[in-house]
C-alpha cells in the first residue's frame, strides 16, 4: 500500500513539474529570442532551389570561375553537383582525413595548400582543370564525370544533385531571367564607399580583370557593368544578387527589372527609370 502511495506522489509531482515548465515557456515565449537563420535565396529556372546566403555566394563563384575559364554549362553543372555532395556548398575547414573546402580537396593529394584550397576561386579552378583532362567527360553522366575527378568511395552520390545543379547553372550562366532572388536585411555589414569597394573587388576576383574590366565603381553609390547581350547581363545581375549579403548591396537594376534587398524580389521598374539594356547597375546601402 505504501509503495502505491509513493508511486502516486511521484506521478503527481511529475505532472506538476511538466505543467510548470509549460507555463514558464508560455510566459517567456515573448521574450526568448531564437537564433535567426541566414537570409534565404531562391533560384527558379525550370525548377527551384533554396540556399542560404553563403551557399548561394559559393555557387555563384563556382559558376563564374567556370565561365571565366571558357567551360561549357555542363561543366558548371558537374562542378556544382560535386560541391553539393562534398560540402553542401559550404567552404568547410575540415572533412574526411585532410579534406577541406567546397570540393573537399586534399593537400596530401596535391590539390594545393590548405590556404589555397580554402579559396573558392582556387578550388573551383583546380576542379575545372582536372575535369578538362578527363577524356569524354561531356558525354558522361554527371556522377561519372565528377567521380573521375574526385575518386570518391561513393561514386553514385553526385547524381542525386543533378537537378539542383542544372537549375543553378541555368540561372548563373544567364540563361534565365530574374532567376536568383535573395532576401537581405537592411542592416548591412558595410555601407557607402567601403561597400562599393568590396563589391568591385569581389567581382574582379571571381570574373578576372578581362571579364570584369567593364565594371566601373560609382564611388559611394555602387558600380555599373557594361554588357553585350541579355544573357551576359543576367549572368552579372544574378552574381551580384548572390553576393549581396556580404557586400552591402541594396539594389540591382537591369533592363526593365529591379531587385531590392529587403524584399528580395525582381520586380518591374515603376519609377520611370528603366535601365539601359547594355548596363547592369548595382547600388549599395549608404
C-alpha atoms as a PDB file:
ATOM      1  CA  UNK A   1       0.000   0.000   0.000  1.00  0.00           C
ATOM      2  CA  UNK A   2       2.785   2.367   0.942  1.00  0.00           C
ATOM      3  CA  UNK A   3       4.508   1.639  -2.373  1.00  0.00           C
ATOM      4  CA  UNK A   4       1.365   2.612  -4.308  1.00  0.00           C
ATOM      5  CA  UNK A   5       1.150   5.868  -2.347  1.00  0.00           C
ATOM      6  CA  UNK A   6       4.762   6.697  -3.140  1.00  0.00           C
ATOM      7  CA  UNK A   7       4.239   5.956  -6.830  1.00  0.00           C
ATOM      8  CA  UNK A   8       1.135   8.173  -6.818  1.00  0.00           C
ATOM      9  CA  UNK A   9       3.007  11.047  -5.197  1.00  0.00           C
ATOM     10  CA  UNK A  10       5.861  10.752  -7.715  1.00  0.00           C
ATOM     11  CA  UNK A  11       3.372  10.759 -10.595  1.00  0.00           C
ATOM     12  CA  UNK A  12       1.644  13.873  -9.261  1.00  0.00           C
ATOM     13  CA  UNK A  13       4.977  15.633  -8.787  1.00  0.00           C
ATOM     14  CA  UNK A  14       5.980  14.756 -12.371  1.00  0.00           C
ATOM     15  CA  UNK A  15       2.755  16.218 -13.730  1.00  0.00           C
ATOM     16  CA  UNK A  16       3.273  19.353 -11.658  1.00  0.00           C
ATOM     17  CA  UNK A  17       6.837  19.797 -12.948  1.00  0.00           C
ATOM     18  CA  UNK A  18       5.770  19.358 -16.590  1.00  0.00           C
ATOM     19  CA  UNK A  19       2.893  21.807 -16.096  1.00  0.00           C
ATOM     20  CA  UNK A  20       5.256  24.289 -14.508  1.00  0.00           C
ATOM     21  CA  UNK A  21       7.681  24.032 -17.423  1.00  0.00           C
ATOM     22  CA  UNK A  22       4.848  24.580 -19.906  1.00  0.00           C
ATOM     23  CA  UNK A  23       3.656  27.644 -18.008  1.00  0.00           C
ATOM     24  CA  UNK A  24       7.221  29.000 -17.834  1.00  0.00           C
ATOM     25  CA  UNK A  25       7.737  28.542 -21.576  1.00  0.00           C
ATOM     26  CA  UNK A  26       4.430  30.222 -22.354  1.00  0.00           C
ATOM     27  CA  UNK A  27       5.293  33.154 -20.103  1.00  0.00           C
ATOM     28  CA  UNK A  28       8.725  33.583 -21.672  1.00  0.00           C
ATOM     29  CA  UNK A  29       7.653  32.998 -25.262  1.00  0.00           C
ATOM     30  CA  UNK A  30       7.506  36.690 -25.938  1.00  0.00           C
ATOM     31  CA  UNK A  31      10.990  37.323 -24.544  1.00  0.00           C
ATOM     32  CA  UNK A  32      13.030  34.346 -25.748  1.00  0.00           C
ATOM     33  CA  UNK A  33      14.974  35.065 -28.958  1.00  0.00           C
ATOM     34  CA  UNK A  34      15.551  32.099 -31.200  1.00  0.00           C
ATOM     35  CA  UNK A  35      18.680  32.110 -33.381  1.00  0.00           C
ATOM     36  CA  UNK A  36      17.936  33.743 -36.715  1.00  0.00           C
ATOM     37  CA  UNK A  37      18.558  31.765 -39.895  1.00  0.00           C
ATOM     38  CA  UNK A  38      20.764  33.042 -42.687  1.00  0.00           C
ATOM     39  CA  UNK A  39      18.979  35.060 -45.365  1.00  0.00           C
ATOM     40  CA  UNK A  40      17.474  32.711 -47.929  1.00  0.00           C
ATOM     41  CA  UNK A  41      17.934  32.702 -51.671  1.00  0.00           C
ATOM     42  CA  UNK A  42      15.577  31.064 -54.129  1.00  0.00           C
ATOM     43  CA  UNK A  43      16.686  30.149 -57.640  1.00  0.00           C
ATOM     44  CA  UNK A  44      13.972  29.430 -60.201  1.00  0.00           C
ATOM     45  CA  UNK A  45      14.857  28.106 -63.663  1.00  0.00           C
ATOM     46  CA  UNK A  46      12.875  25.048 -64.810  1.00  0.00           C
ATOM     47  CA  UNK A  47      12.855  24.004 -61.177  1.00  0.00           C
ATOM     48  CA  UNK A  48      13.513  25.646 -57.818  1.00  0.00           C
ATOM     49  CA  UNK A  49      16.422  25.530 -55.377  1.00  0.00           C
ATOM     50  CA  UNK A  50      16.643  27.249 -51.987  1.00  0.00           C
ATOM     51  CA  UNK A  51      20.023  28.063 -50.439  1.00  0.00           C
ATOM     52  CA  UNK A  52      21.311  30.233 -47.636  1.00  0.00           C
ATOM     53  CA  UNK A  53      23.381  33.309 -48.499  1.00  0.00           C
ATOM     54  CA  UNK A  54      26.777  31.613 -48.062  1.00  0.00           C
ATOM     55  CA  UNK A  55      25.803  28.650 -50.228  1.00  0.00           C
ATOM     56  CA  UNK A  56      24.413  30.990 -52.889  1.00  0.00           C
ATOM     57  CA  UNK A  57      27.589  33.072 -52.999  1.00  0.00           C
ATOM     58  CA  UNK A  58      29.727  29.939 -53.309  1.00  0.00           C
ATOM     59  CA  UNK A  59      27.551  28.591 -56.117  1.00  0.00           C
ATOM     60  CA  UNK A  60      27.834  31.900 -57.983  1.00  0.00           C
ATOM     61  CA  UNK A  61      31.613  31.887 -57.589  1.00  0.00           C
ATOM     62  CA  UNK A  62      31.884  28.315 -58.891  1.00  0.00           C
ATOM     63  CA  UNK A  63      29.819  29.283 -61.942  1.00  0.00           C
ATOM     64  CA  UNK A  64      31.791  32.488 -62.533  1.00  0.00           C
ATOM     65  CA  UNK A  65      35.119  30.650 -62.475  1.00  0.00           C
ATOM     66  CA  UNK A  66      33.751  28.137 -64.975  1.00  0.00           C
ATOM     67  CA  UNK A  67      32.548  30.847 -67.365  1.00  0.00           C
ATOM     68  CA  UNK A  68      35.841  32.731 -67.000  1.00  0.00           C
ATOM     69  CA  UNK A  69      37.771  29.592 -67.924  1.00  0.00           C
ATOM     70  CA  UNK A  70      35.602  29.060 -71.002  1.00  0.00           C
ATOM     71  CA  UNK A  71      33.983  25.884 -69.672  1.00  0.00           C
ATOM     72  CA  UNK A  72      30.564  24.883 -71.067  1.00  0.00           C
ATOM     73  CA  UNK A  73      27.447  24.923 -68.908  1.00  0.00           C
ATOM     74  CA  UNK A  74      27.617  21.138 -68.431  1.00  0.00           C
ATOM     75  CA  UNK A  75      30.977  21.557 -66.681  1.00  0.00           C
ATOM     76  CA  UNK A  76      29.402  24.041 -64.292  1.00  0.00           C
ATOM     77  CA  UNK A  77      26.620  21.530 -63.596  1.00  0.00           C
ATOM     78  CA  UNK A  78      29.213  18.857 -62.773  1.00  0.00           C
ATOM     79  CA  UNK A  79      31.152  21.243 -60.529  1.00  0.00           C
ATOM     80  CA  UNK A  80      28.044  22.330 -58.636  1.00  0.00           C
ATOM     81  CA  UNK A  81      26.848  18.735 -58.170  1.00  0.00           C
ATOM     82  CA  UNK A  82      30.276  17.845 -56.807  1.00  0.00           C
ATOM     83  CA  UNK A  83      30.301  20.743 -54.351  1.00  0.00           C
ATOM     84  CA  UNK A  84      26.735  19.921 -53.287  1.00  0.00           C
ATOM     85  CA  UNK A  85      27.741  16.377 -52.414  1.00  0.00           C
ATOM     86  CA  UNK A  86      31.134  17.115 -50.903  1.00  0.00           C
ATOM     87  CA  UNK A  87      30.288  20.142 -48.757  1.00  0.00           C
ATOM     88  CA  UNK A  88      26.653  21.194 -49.331  1.00  0.00           C
ATOM     89  CA  UNK A  89      28.201  24.263 -50.992  1.00  0.00           C
ATOM     90  CA  UNK A  90      29.863  25.298 -47.728  1.00  0.00           C
ATOM     91  CA  UNK A  91      33.556  26.196 -47.520  1.00  0.00           C
ATOM     92  CA  UNK A  92      34.439  23.619 -44.859  1.00  0.00           C
ATOM     93  CA  UNK A  93      37.513  23.860 -42.653  1.00  0.00           C
ATOM     94  CA  UNK A  94      37.840  20.083 -42.418  1.00  0.00           C
ATOM     95  CA  UNK A  95      36.401  16.775 -43.593  1.00  0.00           C
ATOM     96  CA  UNK A  96      37.465  13.220 -44.230  1.00  0.00           C
ATOM     97  CA  UNK A  97      41.175  12.910 -43.417  1.00  0.00           C
ATOM     98  CA  UNK A  98      42.795  16.158 -44.618  1.00  0.00           C
ATOM     99  CA  UNK A  99      39.991  17.242 -46.963  1.00  0.00           C
ATOM    100  CA  UNK A 100      38.981  20.920 -46.894  1.00  0.00           C
ATOM    101  CA  UNK A 101      36.938  23.452 -48.827  1.00  0.00           C
ATOM    102  CA  UNK A 102      34.000  23.323 -51.213  1.00  0.00           C
ATOM    103  CA  UNK A 103      35.225  20.266 -53.093  1.00  0.00           C
ATOM    104  CA  UNK A 104      36.887  18.580 -50.102  1.00  0.00           C
ATOM    105  CA  UNK A 105      40.212  18.538 -51.899  1.00  0.00           C
ATOM    106  CA  UNK A 106      43.199  17.108 -50.023  1.00  0.00           C
ATOM    107  CA  UNK A 107      46.563  18.873 -49.697  1.00  0.00           C
ATOM    108  CA  UNK A 108      48.243  15.475 -49.324  1.00  0.00           C
ATOM    109  CA  UNK A 109      46.954  14.516 -52.774  1.00  0.00           C
ATOM    110  CA  UNK A 110      48.487  17.511 -54.497  1.00  0.00           C
ATOM    111  CA  UNK A 111      45.460  19.792 -54.714  1.00  0.00           C
ATOM    112  CA  UNK A 112      47.299  22.689 -53.070  1.00  0.00           C
ATOM    113  CA  UNK A 113      47.877  24.088 -49.621  1.00  0.00           C
ATOM    114  CA  UNK A 114      45.053  24.363 -47.096  1.00  0.00           C
ATOM    115  CA  UNK A 115      45.034  28.131 -47.601  1.00  0.00           C
ATOM    116  CA  UNK A 116      44.785  27.765 -51.369  1.00  0.00           C
ATOM    117  CA  UNK A 117      42.033  25.150 -51.284  1.00  0.00           C
ATOM    118  CA  UNK A 118      40.026  27.270 -48.843  1.00  0.00           C
ATOM    119  CA  UNK A 119      39.833  29.949 -51.566  1.00  0.00           C
ATOM    120  CA  UNK A 120      36.655  29.059 -53.522  1.00  0.00           C
ATOM    121  CA  UNK A 121      38.104  30.528 -56.715  1.00  0.00           C
ATOM    122  CA  UNK A 122      41.270  28.465 -56.479  1.00  0.00           C
ATOM    123  CA  UNK A 123      39.480  25.220 -55.592  1.00  0.00           C
ATOM    124  CA  UNK A 124      36.901  25.686 -58.368  1.00  0.00           C
ATOM    125  CA  UNK A 125      39.688  26.399 -60.846  1.00  0.00           C
ATOM    126  CA  UNK A 126      41.529  23.238 -59.829  1.00  0.00           C
ATOM    127  CA  UNK A 127      38.347  21.201 -60.219  1.00  0.00           C
ATOM    128  CA  UNK A 128      37.686  22.528 -63.718  1.00  0.00           C
ATOM    129  CA  UNK A 129      41.310  21.962 -64.658  1.00  0.00           C
ATOM    130  CA  UNK A 130      41.078  18.322 -63.601  1.00  0.00           C
ATOM    131  CA  UNK A 131      37.698  17.827 -65.298  1.00  0.00           C
ATOM    132  CA  UNK A 132      39.024  19.211 -68.566  1.00  0.00           C
ATOM    133  CA  UNK A 133      41.646  16.464 -68.615  1.00  0.00           C
ATOM    134  CA  UNK A 134      39.038  13.695 -68.384  1.00  0.00           C
ATOM    135  CA  UNK A 135      38.583  12.255 -71.864  1.00  0.00           C
ATOM    136  CA  UNK A 136      34.957  12.323 -72.992  1.00  0.00           C
ATOM    137  CA  UNK A 137      33.582  13.869 -69.792  1.00  0.00           C
ATOM    138  CA  UNK A 138      30.988  15.809 -71.812  1.00  0.00           C
ATOM    139  CA  UNK A 139      29.222  12.571 -72.786  1.00  0.00           C
ATOM    140  CA  UNK A 140      29.325  11.068 -69.299  1.00  0.00           C
ATOM    141  CA  UNK A 141      26.630  11.115 -66.658  1.00  0.00           C
ATOM    142  CA  UNK A 142      27.191  13.918 -64.164  1.00  0.00           C
ATOM    143  CA  UNK A 143      28.126  11.476 -61.418  1.00  0.00           C
ATOM    144  CA  UNK A 144      30.625   9.633 -63.634  1.00  0.00           C
ATOM    145  CA  UNK A 145      32.364  12.836 -64.712  1.00  0.00           C
ATOM    146  CA  UNK A 146      32.550  14.026 -61.108  1.00  0.00           C
ATOM    147  CA  UNK A 147      33.876  10.655 -59.951  1.00  0.00           C
ATOM    148  CA  UNK A 148      36.699  10.760 -62.493  1.00  0.00           C
ATOM    149  CA  UNK A 149      37.938  13.874 -60.718  1.00  0.00           C
ATOM    150  CA  UNK A 150      37.040  13.129 -57.099  1.00  0.00           C
ATOM    151  CA  UNK A 151      37.603   9.334 -56.888  1.00  0.00           C
ATOM    152  CA  UNK A 152      35.045   9.092 -54.096  1.00  0.00           C
ATOM    153  CA  UNK A 153      34.105   5.990 -52.120  1.00  0.00           C
ATOM    154  CA  UNK A 154      30.507   6.784 -53.136  1.00  0.00           C
ATOM    155  CA  UNK A 155      30.689   7.215 -56.929  1.00  0.00           C
ATOM    156  CA  UNK A 156      26.912   7.384 -57.463  1.00  0.00           C
ATOM    157  CA  UNK A 157      26.348  10.096 -54.851  1.00  0.00           C
ATOM    158  CA  UNK A 158      26.850  13.057 -57.193  1.00  0.00           C
ATOM    159  CA  UNK A 159      23.923  12.169 -59.440  1.00  0.00           C
ATOM    160  CA  UNK A 160      21.335  12.982 -56.774  1.00  0.00           C
ATOM    161  CA  UNK A 161      22.306  16.664 -57.067  1.00  0.00           C
ATOM    162  CA  UNK A 162      21.940  16.797 -60.847  1.00  0.00           C
ATOM    163  CA  UNK A 163      18.560  18.552 -60.937  1.00  0.00           C
ATOM    164  CA  UNK A 164      19.516  21.225 -58.400  1.00  0.00           C
ATOM    165  CA  UNK A 165      22.797  21.864 -60.197  1.00  0.00           C
ATOM    166  CA  UNK A 166      21.079  22.277 -63.579  1.00  0.00           C
ATOM    167  CA  UNK A 167      18.737  24.888 -62.094  1.00  0.00           C
ATOM    168  CA  UNK A 168      21.639  26.831 -60.595  1.00  0.00           C
ATOM    169  CA  UNK A 169      23.737  26.609 -63.756  1.00  0.00           C
ATOM    170  CA  UNK A 170      20.907  27.876 -65.955  1.00  0.00           C
ATOM    171  CA  UNK A 171      20.472  30.908 -63.732  1.00  0.00           C
ATOM    172  CA  UNK A 172      24.133  31.669 -63.053  1.00  0.00           C
ATOM    173  CA  UNK A 173      25.183  31.424 -66.686  1.00  0.00           C
ATOM    174  CA  UNK A 174      22.479  33.956 -67.591  1.00  0.00           C
ATOM    175  CA  UNK A 175      20.085  31.695 -69.482  1.00  0.00           C
ATOM    176  CA  UNK A 176      17.235  32.539 -67.088  1.00  0.00           C
ATOM    177  CA  UNK A 177      15.750  35.976 -66.388  1.00  0.00           C
ATOM    178  CA  UNK A 178      15.318  37.283 -62.831  1.00  0.00           C
ATOM    179  CA  UNK A 179      16.013  33.786 -61.539  1.00  0.00           C
ATOM    180  CA  UNK A 180      18.099  34.487 -58.418  1.00  0.00           C
ATOM    181  CA  UNK A 181      16.190  36.154 -55.576  1.00  0.00           C
ATOM    182  CA  UNK A 182      17.778  36.708 -52.158  1.00  0.00           C
ATOM    183  CA  UNK A 183      16.246  38.444 -49.156  1.00  0.00           C
ATOM    184  CA  UNK A 184      18.865  40.558 -47.372  1.00  0.00           C
ATOM    185  CA  UNK A 185      18.085  42.571 -44.198  1.00  0.00           C
ATOM    186  CA  UNK A 186      18.580  46.333 -44.423  1.00  0.00           C
ATOM    187  CA  UNK A 187      21.295  46.184 -41.735  1.00  0.00           C
ATOM    188  CA  UNK A 188      24.365  45.624 -43.911  1.00  0.00           C
ATOM    189  CA  UNK A 189      27.831  44.932 -42.541  1.00  0.00           C
ATOM    190  CA  UNK A 190      29.204  47.805 -44.625  1.00  0.00           C
ATOM    191  CA  UNK A 191      27.913  50.860 -46.431  1.00  0.00           C
ATOM    192  CA  UNK A 192      28.907  53.567 -48.878  1.00  0.00           C
ATOM    193  CA  UNK A 193      32.406  53.613 -50.339  1.00  0.00           C
ATOM    194  CA  UNK A 194      33.502  50.600 -48.267  1.00  0.00           C
ATOM    195  CA  UNK A 195      30.646  48.518 -49.638  1.00  0.00           C
ATOM    196  CA  UNK A 196      31.225  49.732 -53.207  1.00  0.00           C
ATOM    197  CA  UNK A 197      34.924  48.864 -52.995  1.00  0.00           C
ATOM    198  CA  UNK A 198      34.161  45.404 -51.572  1.00  0.00           C
ATOM    199  CA  UNK A 199      31.635  44.751 -54.328  1.00  0.00           C
ATOM    200  CA  UNK A 200      34.052  45.699 -57.108  1.00  0.00           C
ATOM    201  CA  UNK A 201      36.862  43.698 -55.500  1.00  0.00           C
ATOM    202  CA  UNK A 202      34.705  40.557 -55.264  1.00  0.00           C
ATOM    203  CA  UNK A 203      33.557  40.981 -58.850  1.00  0.00           C
ATOM    204  CA  UNK A 204      37.118  41.174 -60.123  1.00  0.00           C
ATOM    205  CA  UNK A 205      38.260  38.226 -58.014  1.00  0.00           C
ATOM    206  CA  UNK A 206      35.527  35.983 -59.424  1.00  0.00           C
ATOM    207  CA  UNK A 207      35.460  37.168 -63.007  1.00  0.00           C
ATOM    208  CA  UNK A 208      39.030  38.295 -63.526  1.00  0.00           C
ATOM    209  CA  UNK A 209      40.205  41.587 -64.936  1.00  0.00           C
ATOM    210  CA  UNK A 210      39.393  40.591 -68.504  1.00  0.00           C
ATOM    211  CA  UNK A 211      35.676  39.959 -67.947  1.00  0.00           C
ATOM    212  CA  UNK A 212      35.088  42.494 -65.183  1.00  0.00           C
ATOM    213  CA  UNK A 213      37.211  45.237 -66.712  1.00  0.00           C
ATOM    214  CA  UNK A 214      33.986  46.742 -67.991  1.00  0.00           C
ATOM    215  CA  UNK A 215      32.852  47.322 -64.382  1.00  0.00           C
ATOM    216  CA  UNK A 216      33.185  50.838 -63.039  1.00  0.00           C
ATOM    217  CA  UNK A 217      32.805  51.937 -59.448  1.00  0.00           C
ATOM    218  CA  UNK A 218      30.443  54.813 -58.769  1.00  0.00           C
ATOM    219  CA  UNK A 219      32.272  55.908 -55.619  1.00  0.00           C
ATOM    220  CA  UNK A 220      29.843  55.585 -52.699  1.00  0.00           C
ATOM    221  CA  UNK A 221      26.863  54.557 -54.845  1.00  0.00           C
ATOM    222  CA  UNK A 222      27.975  51.180 -56.158  1.00  0.00           C
ATOM    223  CA  UNK A 223      29.043  50.170 -59.666  1.00  0.00           C
ATOM    224  CA  UNK A 224      27.914  49.621 -63.235  1.00  0.00           C
ATOM    225  CA  UNK A 225      28.788  46.754 -65.549  1.00  0.00           C
ATOM    226  CA  UNK A 226      28.674  47.158 -69.311  1.00  0.00           C
ATOM    227  CA  UNK A 227      27.268  44.072 -71.047  1.00  0.00           C
ATOM    228  CA  UNK A 228      26.992  42.939 -74.645  1.00  0.00           C
ATOM    229  CA  UNK A 229      23.715  40.989 -74.550  1.00  0.00           C
ATOM    230  CA  UNK A 230      20.902  40.000 -72.159  1.00  0.00           C
ATOM    231  CA  UNK A 231      22.434  36.665 -71.139  1.00  0.00           C
ATOM    232  CA  UNK A 232      25.670  38.341 -70.099  1.00  0.00           C
ATOM    233  CA  UNK A 233      23.644  40.966 -68.263  1.00  0.00           C
ATOM    234  CA  UNK A 234      21.708  38.363 -66.292  1.00  0.00           C
ATOM    235  CA  UNK A 235      24.928  36.497 -65.621  1.00  0.00           C
ATOM    236  CA  UNK A 236      26.291  39.529 -63.780  1.00  0.00           C
ATOM    237  CA  UNK A 237      22.950  40.564 -62.275  1.00  0.00           C
ATOM    238  CA  UNK A 238      22.481  37.128 -60.734  1.00  0.00           C
ATOM    239  CA  UNK A 239      26.072  37.086 -59.495  1.00  0.00           C
ATOM    240  CA  UNK A 240      25.525  40.453 -57.794  1.00  0.00           C
ATOM    241  CA  UNK A 241      22.368  39.293 -56.012  1.00  0.00           C
ATOM    242  CA  UNK A 242      24.098  36.059 -54.986  1.00  0.00           C
ATOM    243  CA  UNK A 243      26.834  38.065 -53.243  1.00  0.00           C
ATOM    244  CA  UNK A 244      24.567  40.781 -51.859  1.00  0.00           C
ATOM    245  CA  UNK A 245      24.653  39.701 -48.220  1.00  0.00           C
ATOM    246  CA  UNK A 246      28.426  40.042 -47.868  1.00  0.00           C
ATOM    247  CA  UNK A 247      28.902  43.188 -49.953  1.00  0.00           C
ATOM    248  CA  UNK A 248      26.334  45.697 -48.686  1.00  0.00           C
ATOM    249  CA  UNK A 249      24.388  45.587 -51.947  1.00  0.00           C
ATOM    250  CA  UNK A 250      20.955  47.193 -51.776  1.00  0.00           C
ATOM    251  CA  UNK A 251      19.642  47.297 -55.344  1.00  0.00           C
ATOM    252  CA  UNK A 252      20.337  45.827 -58.801  1.00  0.00           C
ATOM    253  CA  UNK A 253      18.725  47.124 -61.977  1.00  0.00           C
ATOM    254  CA  UNK A 254      18.898  45.526 -65.403  1.00  0.00           C
ATOM    255  CA  UNK A 255      16.599  46.389 -68.284  1.00  0.00           C
ATOM    256  CA  UNK A 256      13.064  46.838 -67.009  1.00  0.00           C
ATOM    257  CA  UNK A 257      13.549  44.766 -63.844  1.00  0.00           C
ATOM    258  CA  UNK A 258      14.918  45.684 -60.450  1.00  0.00           C
ATOM    259  CA  UNK A 259      15.939  43.684 -57.348  1.00  0.00           C
ATOM    260  CA  UNK A 260      15.770  45.322 -53.893  1.00  0.00           C
ATOM    261  CA  UNK A 261      17.487  43.751 -50.873  1.00  0.00           C
ATOM    262  CA  UNK A 262      14.783  43.810 -48.162  1.00  0.00           C
ATOM    263  CA  UNK A 263      12.070  42.444 -50.461  1.00  0.00           C
ATOM    264  CA  UNK A 264      14.469  40.155 -52.308  1.00  0.00           C
ATOM    265  CA  UNK A 265      12.348  40.005 -55.483  1.00  0.00           C
ATOM    266  CA  UNK A 266      12.855  41.019 -59.090  1.00  0.00           C
ATOM    267  CA  UNK A 267      10.036  43.388 -59.959  1.00  0.00           C
ATOM    268  CA  UNK A 268       9.199  45.686 -62.878  1.00  0.00           C
ATOM    269  CA  UNK A 269      10.693  49.139 -62.622  1.00  0.00           C
ATOM    270  CA  UNK A 270       7.899  51.551 -61.744  1.00  0.00           C
ATOM    271  CA  UNK A 271       9.685  54.872 -61.205  1.00  0.00           C
ATOM    272  CA  UNK A 272      10.202  55.612 -64.877  1.00  0.00           C
ATOM    273  CA  UNK A 273      13.951  54.956 -64.688  1.00  0.00           C
ATOM    274  CA  UNK A 274      14.052  51.873 -66.924  1.00  0.00           C
ATOM    275  CA  UNK A 275      17.606  50.676 -67.077  1.00  0.00           C
ATOM    276  CA  UNK A 276      19.964  50.575 -70.025  1.00  0.00           C
ATOM    277  CA  UNK A 277      19.820  47.091 -71.653  1.00  0.00           C
ATOM    278  CA  UNK A 278      23.587  47.309 -72.107  1.00  0.00           C
ATOM    279  CA  UNK A 279      24.284  48.122 -68.463  1.00  0.00           C
ATOM    280  CA  UNK A 280      23.780  46.399 -65.105  1.00  0.00           C
ATOM    281  CA  UNK A 281      23.555  48.959 -62.284  1.00  0.00           C
ATOM    282  CA  UNK A 282      24.301  47.990 -58.674  1.00  0.00           C
ATOM    283  CA  UNK A 283      23.673  50.286 -55.708  1.00  0.00           C
ATOM    284  CA  UNK A 284      24.969  49.744 -52.180  1.00  0.00           C
ATOM    285  CA  UNK A 285      23.489  50.831 -48.852  1.00  0.00           C
ATOM    286  CA  UNK A 286      24.621  54.370 -47.983  1.00  0.00           C
END
